[in-house]
All heavy atoms as atom14 arrays in JSON, in Angstrom:
{
  "sequence": "AHRHPSALQSLENCHLCAHHCGVNRHRGQRGFCKVGARSNIFSSQI",
  "atom14_mask": [
    [1, 1, 1, 1, 1, 0, 0, 0, 0, 0, 0, 0, 0, 0],
    [1, 1, 1, 1, 1, 1, 1, 1, 1, 1, 0, 0, 0, 0],
    [1, 1, 1, 1, 1, 1, 1, 1, 1, 1, 1, 0, 0, 0],
    [1, 1, 1, 1, 1, 1, 1, 1, 1, 1, 0, 0, 0, 0],
    [1, 1, 1, 1, 1, 1, 1, 0, 0, 0, 0, 0, 0, 0],
    [1, 1, 1, 1, 1, 1, 0, 0, 0, 0, 0, 0, 0, 0],
    [1, 1, 1, 1, 1, 0, 0, 0, 0, 0, 0, 0, 0, 0],
    [1, 1, 1, 1, 1, 1, 1, 1, 0, 0, 0, 0, 0, 0],
    [1, 1, 1, 1, 1, 1, 1, 1, 1, 0, 0, 0, 0, 0],
    [1, 1, 1, 1, 1, 1, 0, 0, 0, 0, 0, 0, 0, 0],
    [1, 1, 1, 1, 1, 1, 1, 1, 0, 0, 0, 0, 0, 0],
    [1, 1, 1, 1, 1, 1, 1, 1, 1, 0, 0, 0, 0, 0],
    [1, 1, 1, 1, 1, 1, 1, 1, 0, 0, 0, 0, 0, 0],
    [1, 1, 1, 1, 1, 1, 0, 0, 0, 0, 0, 0, 0, 0],
    [1, 1, 1, 1, 1, 1, 1, 1, 1, 1, 0, 0, 0, 0],
    [1, 1, 1, 1, 1, 1, 1, 1, 0, 0, 0, 0, 0, 0],
    [1, 1, 1, 1, 1, 1, 0, 0, 0, 0, 0, 0, 0, 0],
    [1, 1, 1, 1, 1, 0, 0, 0, 0, 0, 0, 0, 0, 0],
    [1, 1, 1, 1, 1, 1, 1, 1, 1, 1, 0, 0, 0, 0],
    [1, 1, 1, 1, 1, 1, 1, 1, 1, 1, 0, 0, 0, 0],
    [1, 1, 1, 1, 1, 1, 0, 0, 0, 0, 0, 0, 0, 0],
    [1, 1, 1, 1, 0, 0, 0, 0, 0, 0, 0, 0, 0, 0],
    [1, 1, 1, 1, 1, 1, 1, 0, 0, 0, 0, 0, 0, 0],
    [1, 1, 1, 1, 1, 1, 1, 1, 0, 0, 0, 0, 0, 0],
    [1, 1, 1, 1, 1, 1, 1, 1, 1, 1, 1, 0, 0, 0],
    [1, 1, 1, 1, 1, 1, 1, 1, 1, 1, 0, 0, 0, 0],
    [1, 1, 1, 1, 1, 1, 1, 1, 1, 1, 1, 0, 0, 0],
    [1, 1, 1, 1, 0, 0, 0, 0, 0, 0, 0, 0, 0, 0],
    [1, 1, 1, 1, 1, 1, 1, 1, 1, 0, 0, 0, 0, 0],
    [1, 1, 1, 1, 1, 1, 1, 1, 1, 1, 1, 0, 0, 0],
    [1, 1, 1, 1, 0, 0, 0, 0, 0, 0, 0, 0, 0, 0],
    [1, 1, 1, 1, 1, 1, 1, 1, 1, 1, 1, 0, 0, 0],
    [1, 1, 1, 1, 1, 1, 0, 0, 0, 0, 0, 0, 0, 0],
    [1, 1, 1, 1, 1, 1, 1, 1, 1, 0, 0, 0, 0, 0],
    [1, 1, 1, 1, 1, 1, 1, 0, 0, 0, 0, 0, 0, 0],
    [1, 1, 1, 1, 0, 0, 0, 0, 0, 0, 0, 0, 0, 0],
    [1, 1, 1, 1, 1, 0, 0, 0, 0, 0, 0, 0, 0, 0],
    [1, 1, 1, 1, 1, 1, 1, 1, 1, 1, 1, 0, 0, 0],
    [1, 1, 1, 1, 1, 1, 0, 0, 0, 0, 0, 0, 0, 0],
    [1, 1, 1, 1, 1, 1, 1, 1, 0, 0, 0, 0, 0, 0],
    [1, 1, 1, 1, 1, 1, 1, 1, 0, 0, 0, 0, 0, 0],
    [1, 1, 1, 1, 1, 1, 1, 1, 1, 1, 1, 0, 0, 0],
    [1, 1, 1, 1, 1, 1, 0, 0, 0, 0, 0, 0, 0, 0],
    [1, 1, 1, 1, 1, 1, 0, 0, 0, 0, 0, 0, 0, 0],
    [1, 1, 1, 1, 1, 1, 1, 1, 1, 0, 0, 0, 0, 0],
    [1, 1, 1, 1, 1, 1, 1, 1, 0, 0, 0, 0, 0, 0]
  ],
  "atom14_positions": [
    [[91.41, 102.73, 118.37], [92.83, 103.25, 118.2], [93.9, 102.28, 118.66], [94.92, 102.11, 118.06], [93.0, 104.6, 118.8], [0.0, 0.0, 0.0], [0.0, 0.0, 0.0], [0.0, 0.0, 0.0], [0.0, 0.0, 0.0], [0.0, 0.0, 0.0], [0.0, 0.0, 0.0], [0.0, 0.0, 0.0], [0.0, 0.0, 0.0], [0.0, 0.0, 0.0]],
    [[93.64, 101.62, 119.66], [94.54, 100.62, 120.26], [94.68, 99.47, 119.27], [95.81, 98.92, 119.23], [94.06, 100.16, 121.67], [94.92, 99.05, 122.32], [96.13, 99.3, 122.78], [94.61, 97.72, 122.35], [96.64, 98.12, 123.24], [95.8, 97.15, 122.96], [0.0, 0.0, 0.0], [0.0, 0.0, 0.0], [0.0, 0.0, 0.0], [0.0, 0.0, 0.0]],
    [[93.66, 98.98, 118.78], [93.75, 97.72, 117.9], [94.27, 98.15, 116.57], [94.65, 97.16, 115.73], [92.32, 97.25, 117.79], [91.79, 96.65, 118.98], [90.42, 96.18, 118.89], [89.82, 95.51, 120.12], [88.57, 95.15, 120.32], [87.63, 95.48, 119.38], [88.2, 94.55, 121.43], [0.0, 0.0, 0.0], [0.0, 0.0, 0.0], [0.0, 0.0, 0.0]],
    [[94.26, 99.28, 116.18], [94.59, 99.72, 114.74], [96.05, 99.17, 114.3], [96.22, 98.65, 113.15], [94.56, 101.24, 114.49], [94.98, 101.68, 113.22], [96.23, 102.35, 113.04], [94.41, 101.63, 111.98], [96.39, 102.73, 111.79], [95.41, 102.08, 111.09], [0.0, 0.0, 0.0], [0.0, 0.0, 0.0], [0.0, 0.0, 0.0], [0.0, 0.0, 0.0]],
    [[97.13, 99.52, 115.2], [98.47, 99.04, 114.8], [98.54, 97.62, 114.55], [99.27, 97.2, 113.56], [99.36, 99.41, 115.91], [98.65, 100.57, 116.53], [97.18, 100.23, 116.41], [0.0, 0.0, 0.0], [0.0, 0.0, 0.0], [0.0, 0.0, 0.0], [0.0, 0.0, 0.0], [0.0, 0.0, 0.0], [0.0, 0.0, 0.0], [0.0, 0.0, 0.0]],
    [[97.83, 96.74, 115.41], [97.96, 95.32, 115.2], [97.25, 94.97, 113.89], [97.63, 94.01, 113.07], [97.28, 94.66, 116.4], [97.13, 93.28, 116.11], [0.0, 0.0, 0.0], [0.0, 0.0, 0.0], [0.0, 0.0, 0.0], [0.0, 0.0, 0.0], [0.0, 0.0, 0.0], [0.0, 0.0, 0.0], [0.0, 0.0, 0.0], [0.0, 0.0, 0.0]],
    [[95.97, 95.59, 113.61], [95.25, 95.24, 112.41], [96.12, 95.63, 111.21], [96.18, 94.96, 110.12], [93.94, 95.99, 112.32], [0.0, 0.0, 0.0], [0.0, 0.0, 0.0], [0.0, 0.0, 0.0], [0.0, 0.0, 0.0], [0.0, 0.0, 0.0], [0.0, 0.0, 0.0], [0.0, 0.0, 0.0], [0.0, 0.0, 0.0], [0.0, 0.0, 0.0]],
    [[96.81, 96.69, 111.21], [97.66, 97.17, 110.18], [98.81, 96.19, 109.84], [99.15, 95.81, 108.74], [98.28, 98.57, 110.35], [98.93, 99.31, 109.3], [97.78, 99.5, 108.16], [99.5, 100.69, 109.69], [0.0, 0.0, 0.0], [0.0, 0.0, 0.0], [0.0, 0.0, 0.0], [0.0, 0.0, 0.0], [0.0, 0.0, 0.0], [0.0, 0.0, 0.0]],
    [[99.45, 95.65, 110.95], [100.55, 94.67, 110.75], [100.03, 93.36, 110.33], [100.69, 92.71, 109.57], [101.07, 94.46, 112.21], [102.34, 93.47, 112.13], [102.93, 93.18, 113.49], [102.53, 93.84, 114.58], [103.74, 92.22, 113.55], [0.0, 0.0, 0.0], [0.0, 0.0, 0.0], [0.0, 0.0, 0.0], [0.0, 0.0, 0.0], [0.0, 0.0, 0.0]],
    [[98.72, 93.09, 110.67], [98.17, 91.75, 110.03], [98.12, 91.73, 108.53], [98.02, 90.62, 107.97], [96.78, 91.56, 110.71], [95.76, 92.43, 109.98], [0.0, 0.0, 0.0], [0.0, 0.0, 0.0], [0.0, 0.0, 0.0], [0.0, 0.0, 0.0], [0.0, 0.0, 0.0], [0.0, 0.0, 0.0], [0.0, 0.0, 0.0], [0.0, 0.0, 0.0]],
    [[98.17, 92.87, 107.83], [98.15, 92.7, 106.45], [99.45, 92.14, 105.78], [99.44, 91.89, 104.72], [97.82, 94.17, 105.93], [96.64, 94.98, 106.29], [96.56, 96.24, 105.52], [95.36, 93.99, 106.01], [0.0, 0.0, 0.0], [0.0, 0.0, 0.0], [0.0, 0.0, 0.0], [0.0, 0.0, 0.0], [0.0, 0.0, 0.0], [0.0, 0.0, 0.0]],
    [[100.45, 92.01, 106.65], [101.66, 91.35, 106.25], [101.44, 89.88, 105.85], [102.21, 89.16, 105.21], [102.8, 91.45, 107.18], [103.29, 93.01, 107.5], [104.22, 93.09, 108.42], [104.64, 92.13, 109.1], [104.72, 94.26, 108.79], [0.0, 0.0, 0.0], [0.0, 0.0, 0.0], [0.0, 0.0, 0.0], [0.0, 0.0, 0.0], [0.0, 0.0, 0.0]],
    [[100.31, 89.35, 106.51], [100.08, 88.03, 106.37], [98.48, 87.92, 106.51], [97.93, 87.43, 107.61], [100.68, 87.09, 107.28], [100.36, 85.69, 107.32], [99.91, 85.14, 106.25], [100.68, 84.79, 108.37], [0.0, 0.0, 0.0], [0.0, 0.0, 0.0], [0.0, 0.0, 0.0], [0.0, 0.0, 0.0], [0.0, 0.0, 0.0], [0.0, 0.0, 0.0]],
    [[97.84, 88.38, 105.39], [96.38, 88.51, 105.62], [95.55, 87.36, 105.81], [95.26, 86.5, 104.82], [95.83, 89.49, 104.44], [94.2, 90.13, 104.73], [0.0, 0.0, 0.0], [0.0, 0.0, 0.0], [0.0, 0.0, 0.0], [0.0, 0.0, 0.0], [0.0, 0.0, 0.0], [0.0, 0.0, 0.0], [0.0, 0.0, 0.0], [0.0, 0.0, 0.0]],
    [[94.76, 87.43, 106.97], [93.77, 86.42, 107.28], [92.51, 87.06, 107.76], [91.83, 86.55, 108.7], [94.22, 85.4, 108.33], [95.37, 84.5, 107.77], [95.21, 83.43, 107.03], [96.73, 84.7, 107.78], [96.31, 82.9, 106.69], [97.27, 83.67, 107.02], [0.0, 0.0, 0.0], [0.0, 0.0, 0.0], [0.0, 0.0, 0.0], [0.0, 0.0, 0.0]],
    [[92.21, 88.2, 107.23], [91.02, 88.96, 107.76], [89.76, 88.34, 107.38], [88.67, 88.56, 108.03], [91.08, 90.4, 107.36], [92.13, 91.32, 107.92], [92.18, 92.72, 107.45], [92.1, 91.28, 109.41], [0.0, 0.0, 0.0], [0.0, 0.0, 0.0], [0.0, 0.0, 0.0], [0.0, 0.0, 0.0], [0.0, 0.0, 0.0], [0.0, 0.0, 0.0]],
    [[89.75, 87.66, 106.25], [88.43, 87.09, 105.82], [88.63, 85.44, 105.83], [89.84, 85.05, 106.05], [87.91, 87.52, 104.58], [88.7, 86.9, 103.15], [0.0, 0.0, 0.0], [0.0, 0.0, 0.0], [0.0, 0.0, 0.0], [0.0, 0.0, 0.0], [0.0, 0.0, 0.0], [0.0, 0.0, 0.0], [0.0, 0.0, 0.0], [0.0, 0.0, 0.0]],
    [[87.64, 84.7, 105.56], [87.73, 83.23, 105.71], [88.36, 82.63, 104.47], [88.53, 81.43, 104.46], [86.38, 82.7, 105.83], [0.0, 0.0, 0.0], [0.0, 0.0, 0.0], [0.0, 0.0, 0.0], [0.0, 0.0, 0.0], [0.0, 0.0, 0.0], [0.0, 0.0, 0.0], [0.0, 0.0, 0.0], [0.0, 0.0, 0.0], [0.0, 0.0, 0.0]],
    [[88.74, 83.45, 103.47], [89.61, 82.78, 102.46], [90.99, 82.6, 102.96], [91.68, 81.66, 102.38], [89.7, 83.76, 101.32], [88.48, 83.85, 100.44], [87.9, 82.88, 99.77], [87.79, 85.05, 100.13], [86.81, 83.29, 99.21], [86.63, 84.58, 99.4], [0.0, 0.0, 0.0], [0.0, 0.0, 0.0], [0.0, 0.0, 0.0], [0.0, 0.0, 0.0]],
    [[91.45, 83.21, 103.92], [92.84, 83.02, 104.57], [93.89, 82.94, 103.39], [94.71, 82.04, 103.27], [92.87, 81.7, 105.28], [92.02, 81.77, 106.66], [92.23, 82.48, 107.6], [90.77, 81.0, 106.82], [91.3, 82.31, 108.62], [90.38, 81.46, 108.05], [0.0, 0.0, 0.0], [0.0, 0.0, 0.0], [0.0, 0.0, 0.0], [0.0, 0.0, 0.0]],
    [[93.97, 83.9, 102.61], [94.93, 84.13, 101.47], [96.31, 84.08, 102.06], [97.24, 83.55, 101.38], [94.51, 85.39, 100.67], [93.02, 85.25, 99.86], [0.0, 0.0, 0.0], [0.0, 0.0, 0.0], [0.0, 0.0, 0.0], [0.0, 0.0, 0.0], [0.0, 0.0, 0.0], [0.0, 0.0, 0.0], [0.0, 0.0, 0.0], [0.0, 0.0, 0.0]],
    [[96.58, 84.76, 103.14], [98.0, 84.97, 103.64], [98.92, 85.66, 102.89], [100.16, 85.61, 102.95], [0.0, 0.0, 0.0], [0.0, 0.0, 0.0], [0.0, 0.0, 0.0], [0.0, 0.0, 0.0], [0.0, 0.0, 0.0], [0.0, 0.0, 0.0], [0.0, 0.0, 0.0], [0.0, 0.0, 0.0], [0.0, 0.0, 0.0], [0.0, 0.0, 0.0]],
    [[98.45, 86.68, 102.16], [99.28, 87.47, 101.25], [99.74, 88.69, 102.12], [99.24, 89.08, 103.01], [98.59, 87.97, 99.93], [98.14, 86.8, 99.07], [97.28, 88.82, 100.45], [0.0, 0.0, 0.0], [0.0, 0.0, 0.0], [0.0, 0.0, 0.0], [0.0, 0.0, 0.0], [0.0, 0.0, 0.0], [0.0, 0.0, 0.0], [0.0, 0.0, 0.0]],
    [[100.97, 89.28, 101.55], [101.39, 90.44, 102.22], [100.91, 91.67, 101.43], [101.47, 92.08, 100.36], [103.0, 90.44, 102.24], [103.63, 91.65, 102.98], [103.06, 92.69, 103.13], [104.85, 91.35, 103.54], [0.0, 0.0, 0.0], [0.0, 0.0, 0.0], [0.0, 0.0, 0.0], [0.0, 0.0, 0.0], [0.0, 0.0, 0.0], [0.0, 0.0, 0.0]],
    [[99.84, 92.24, 101.87], [99.27, 93.5, 101.16], [100.09, 94.59, 101.24], [100.04, 95.55, 100.46], [97.88, 93.65, 101.85], [96.9, 92.5, 101.47], [95.65, 92.58, 102.24], [94.89, 93.8, 102.2], [93.74, 93.97, 102.89], [93.13, 93.04, 103.54], [93.2, 95.28, 102.73], [0.0, 0.0, 0.0], [0.0, 0.0, 0.0], [0.0, 0.0, 0.0]],
    [[100.92, 94.71, 102.25], [101.9, 95.93, 102.28], [102.97, 95.91, 101.13], [103.48, 96.91, 100.79], [102.59, 95.93, 103.68], [101.89, 96.42, 104.94], [101.18, 97.45, 104.93], [101.47, 95.72, 105.91], [100.46, 97.68, 105.99], [100.66, 96.55, 106.62], [0.0, 0.0, 0.0], [0.0, 0.0, 0.0], [0.0, 0.0, 0.0], [0.0, 0.0, 0.0]],
    [[103.29, 94.64, 100.67], [104.19, 94.69, 99.51], [103.48, 94.39, 98.15], [104.1, 93.98, 97.22], [105.06, 93.42, 99.77], [105.95, 93.59, 101.04], [107.08, 92.46, 101.23], [107.96, 92.73, 102.24], [108.9, 91.84, 102.6], [109.12, 90.72, 101.79], [109.66, 92.1, 103.65], [0.0, 0.0, 0.0], [0.0, 0.0, 0.0], [0.0, 0.0, 0.0]],
    [[102.19, 94.71, 98.18], [101.53, 94.73, 96.8], [100.99, 93.34, 96.41], [100.37, 93.35, 95.47], [0.0, 0.0, 0.0], [0.0, 0.0, 0.0], [0.0, 0.0, 0.0], [0.0, 0.0, 0.0], [0.0, 0.0, 0.0], [0.0, 0.0, 0.0], [0.0, 0.0, 0.0], [0.0, 0.0, 0.0], [0.0, 0.0, 0.0], [0.0, 0.0, 0.0]],
    [[101.1, 92.44, 97.37], [100.49, 91.07, 96.94], [98.86, 91.17, 97.03], [98.47, 91.95, 97.98], [100.86, 89.98, 97.86], [102.44, 89.64, 97.7], [102.95, 88.69, 98.67], [102.25, 88.06, 99.42], [104.3, 88.57, 98.8], [0.0, 0.0, 0.0], [0.0, 0.0, 0.0], [0.0, 0.0, 0.0], [0.0, 0.0, 0.0], [0.0, 0.0, 0.0]],
    [[98.2, 90.57, 96.34], [96.7, 90.55, 96.34], [96.09, 89.14, 96.49], [96.52, 88.27, 95.85], [96.17, 91.2, 95.15], [96.64, 92.72, 94.73], [96.02, 93.63, 95.77], [96.34, 95.02, 95.53], [97.3, 95.63, 96.03], [98.21, 95.01, 96.89], [97.56, 96.92, 95.77], [0.0, 0.0, 0.0], [0.0, 0.0, 0.0], [0.0, 0.0, 0.0]],
    [[95.26, 89.22, 97.41], [94.41, 87.86, 97.61], [93.11, 87.88, 96.76], [92.95, 88.56, 95.75], [0.0, 0.0, 0.0], [0.0, 0.0, 0.0], [0.0, 0.0, 0.0], [0.0, 0.0, 0.0], [0.0, 0.0, 0.0], [0.0, 0.0, 0.0], [0.0, 0.0, 0.0], [0.0, 0.0, 0.0], [0.0, 0.0, 0.0], [0.0, 0.0, 0.0]],
    [[92.12, 87.19, 97.26], [90.91, 86.97, 96.49], [90.08, 88.34, 96.38], [89.58, 88.63, 95.32], [89.95, 86.05, 97.42], [88.69, 85.66, 96.67], [88.57, 84.47, 95.95], [87.61, 86.45, 96.76], [87.47, 84.13, 95.29], [86.35, 86.12, 96.06], [86.34, 84.95, 95.45], [0.0, 0.0, 0.0], [0.0, 0.0, 0.0], [0.0, 0.0, 0.0]],
    [[90.29, 89.28, 97.39], [89.46, 90.51, 97.3], [90.3, 91.48, 96.3], [89.64, 92.52, 96.09], [89.29, 90.97, 98.74], [90.93, 91.74, 99.49], [0.0, 0.0, 0.0], [0.0, 0.0, 0.0], [0.0, 0.0, 0.0], [0.0, 0.0, 0.0], [0.0, 0.0, 0.0], [0.0, 0.0, 0.0], [0.0, 0.0, 0.0], [0.0, 0.0, 0.0]],
    [[91.53, 91.31, 96.22], [92.39, 92.33, 95.4], [92.56, 93.6, 96.09], [93.3, 94.55, 95.45], [91.7, 92.54, 93.91], [91.38, 91.28, 93.22], [92.6, 90.44, 93.02], [92.19, 89.26, 92.19], [93.26, 88.22, 91.94], [0.0, 0.0, 0.0], [0.0, 0.0, 0.0], [0.0, 0.0, 0.0], [0.0, 0.0, 0.0], [0.0, 0.0, 0.0]],
    [[92.3, 93.87, 97.44], [92.47, 95.04, 98.01], [93.79, 95.07, 98.71], [94.45, 94.18, 99.1], [91.43, 95.1, 99.21], [91.68, 96.39, 100.07], [90.02, 94.95, 98.66], [0.0, 0.0, 0.0], [0.0, 0.0, 0.0], [0.0, 0.0, 0.0], [0.0, 0.0, 0.0], [0.0, 0.0, 0.0], [0.0, 0.0, 0.0], [0.0, 0.0, 0.0]],
    [[94.37, 96.31, 98.55], [95.89, 96.53, 99.04], [95.83, 96.99, 100.39], [94.93, 96.66, 101.32], [0.0, 0.0, 0.0], [0.0, 0.0, 0.0], [0.0, 0.0, 0.0], [0.0, 0.0, 0.0], [0.0, 0.0, 0.0], [0.0, 0.0, 0.0], [0.0, 0.0, 0.0], [0.0, 0.0, 0.0], [0.0, 0.0, 0.0], [0.0, 0.0, 0.0]],
    [[96.91, 97.77, 100.8], [97.01, 98.19, 102.17], [96.16, 99.39, 102.54], [95.83, 99.66, 103.68], [98.47, 98.45, 102.47], [0.0, 0.0, 0.0], [0.0, 0.0, 0.0], [0.0, 0.0, 0.0], [0.0, 0.0, 0.0], [0.0, 0.0, 0.0], [0.0, 0.0, 0.0], [0.0, 0.0, 0.0], [0.0, 0.0, 0.0], [0.0, 0.0, 0.0]],
    [[95.86, 100.24, 101.55], [94.87, 101.31, 101.78], [93.59, 101.14, 101.09], [93.5, 100.44, 100.03], [95.57, 102.61, 101.23], [96.83, 103.07, 102.15], [96.54, 103.35, 103.49], [95.67, 104.45, 103.66], [95.22, 104.89, 104.86], [95.45, 104.28, 105.95], [94.36, 105.97, 104.93], [0.0, 0.0, 0.0], [0.0, 0.0, 0.0], [0.0, 0.0, 0.0]],
    [[92.65, 101.93, 101.51], [91.33, 101.64, 101.03], [90.8, 102.77, 100.21], [91.13, 103.89, 100.33], [90.31, 101.45, 102.21], [90.7, 100.39, 103.11], [0.0, 0.0, 0.0], [0.0, 0.0, 0.0], [0.0, 0.0, 0.0], [0.0, 0.0, 0.0], [0.0, 0.0, 0.0], [0.0, 0.0, 0.0], [0.0, 0.0, 0.0], [0.0, 0.0, 0.0]],
    [[89.82, 102.42, 99.26], [89.13, 103.33, 98.41], [87.6, 103.34, 98.91], [87.13, 102.34, 99.48], [89.15, 103.0, 96.95], [90.27, 103.56, 96.37], [91.27, 103.83, 96.99], [90.26, 103.9, 94.97], [0.0, 0.0, 0.0], [0.0, 0.0, 0.0], [0.0, 0.0, 0.0], [0.0, 0.0, 0.0], [0.0, 0.0, 0.0], [0.0, 0.0, 0.0]],
    [[86.95, 104.54, 98.85], [85.5, 104.61, 99.19], [84.79, 104.9, 97.78], [85.27, 105.88, 97.24], [85.32, 105.83, 100.18], [86.1, 105.54, 101.47], [83.85, 106.05, 100.37], [85.53, 104.39, 102.27], [0.0, 0.0, 0.0], [0.0, 0.0, 0.0], [0.0, 0.0, 0.0], [0.0, 0.0, 0.0], [0.0, 0.0, 0.0], [0.0, 0.0, 0.0]],
    [[83.83, 104.26, 97.61], [83.04, 104.5, 96.31], [81.63, 105.13, 96.57], [80.97, 105.74, 95.68], [82.75, 103.25, 95.55], [81.78, 102.24, 96.01], [80.46, 102.45, 95.74], [82.2, 101.09, 96.61], [79.51, 101.5, 96.27], [81.3, 100.22, 97.13], [80.02, 100.43, 96.82], [0.0, 0.0, 0.0], [0.0, 0.0, 0.0], [0.0, 0.0, 0.0]],
    [[81.3, 105.35, 97.89], [80.2, 106.16, 98.27], [80.17, 106.54, 99.7], [80.65, 105.68, 100.61], [78.92, 105.35, 97.97], [77.75, 106.05, 98.26], [0.0, 0.0, 0.0], [0.0, 0.0, 0.0], [0.0, 0.0, 0.0], [0.0, 0.0, 0.0], [0.0, 0.0, 0.0], [0.0, 0.0, 0.0], [0.0, 0.0, 0.0], [0.0, 0.0, 0.0]],
    [[79.88, 107.78, 99.98], [79.71, 108.17, 101.41], [78.6, 109.16, 101.51], [78.81, 110.36, 101.01], [80.99, 108.65, 102.04], [81.49, 109.82, 101.31], [0.0, 0.0, 0.0], [0.0, 0.0, 0.0], [0.0, 0.0, 0.0], [0.0, 0.0, 0.0], [0.0, 0.0, 0.0], [0.0, 0.0, 0.0], [0.0, 0.0, 0.0], [0.0, 0.0, 0.0]],
    [[77.44, 108.84, 101.89], [76.22, 109.73, 101.8], [75.15, 109.3, 102.76], [75.11, 108.15, 103.13], [75.68, 109.77, 100.43], [75.23, 108.4, 99.85], [74.87, 108.38, 98.45], [75.16, 109.27, 97.66], [74.21, 107.38, 98.06], [0.0, 0.0, 0.0], [0.0, 0.0, 0.0], [0.0, 0.0, 0.0], [0.0, 0.0, 0.0], [0.0, 0.0, 0.0]],
    [[74.14, 110.17, 102.93], [73.0, 109.73, 103.63], [72.12, 108.8, 102.73], [71.92, 109.06, 101.52], [72.09, 111.04, 103.91], [72.74, 111.94, 105.02], [70.77, 110.55, 104.55], [72.78, 111.37, 106.45], [0.0, 0.0, 0.0], [0.0, 0.0, 0.0], [0.0, 0.0, 0.0], [0.0, 0.0, 0.0], [0.0, 0.0, 0.0], [0.0, 0.0, 0.0]]
  ]
}
């Protein structure tokens, strides 16, 4: 919970993976992964 705000802010200049795209995902910019600021789940099961 403590780390969440910082991680959310990091999407303004995204370097979460080694592509280092530097895009602002909060503003709709998309890097190599094409993921935005919120996530989708395609499976959750045993």
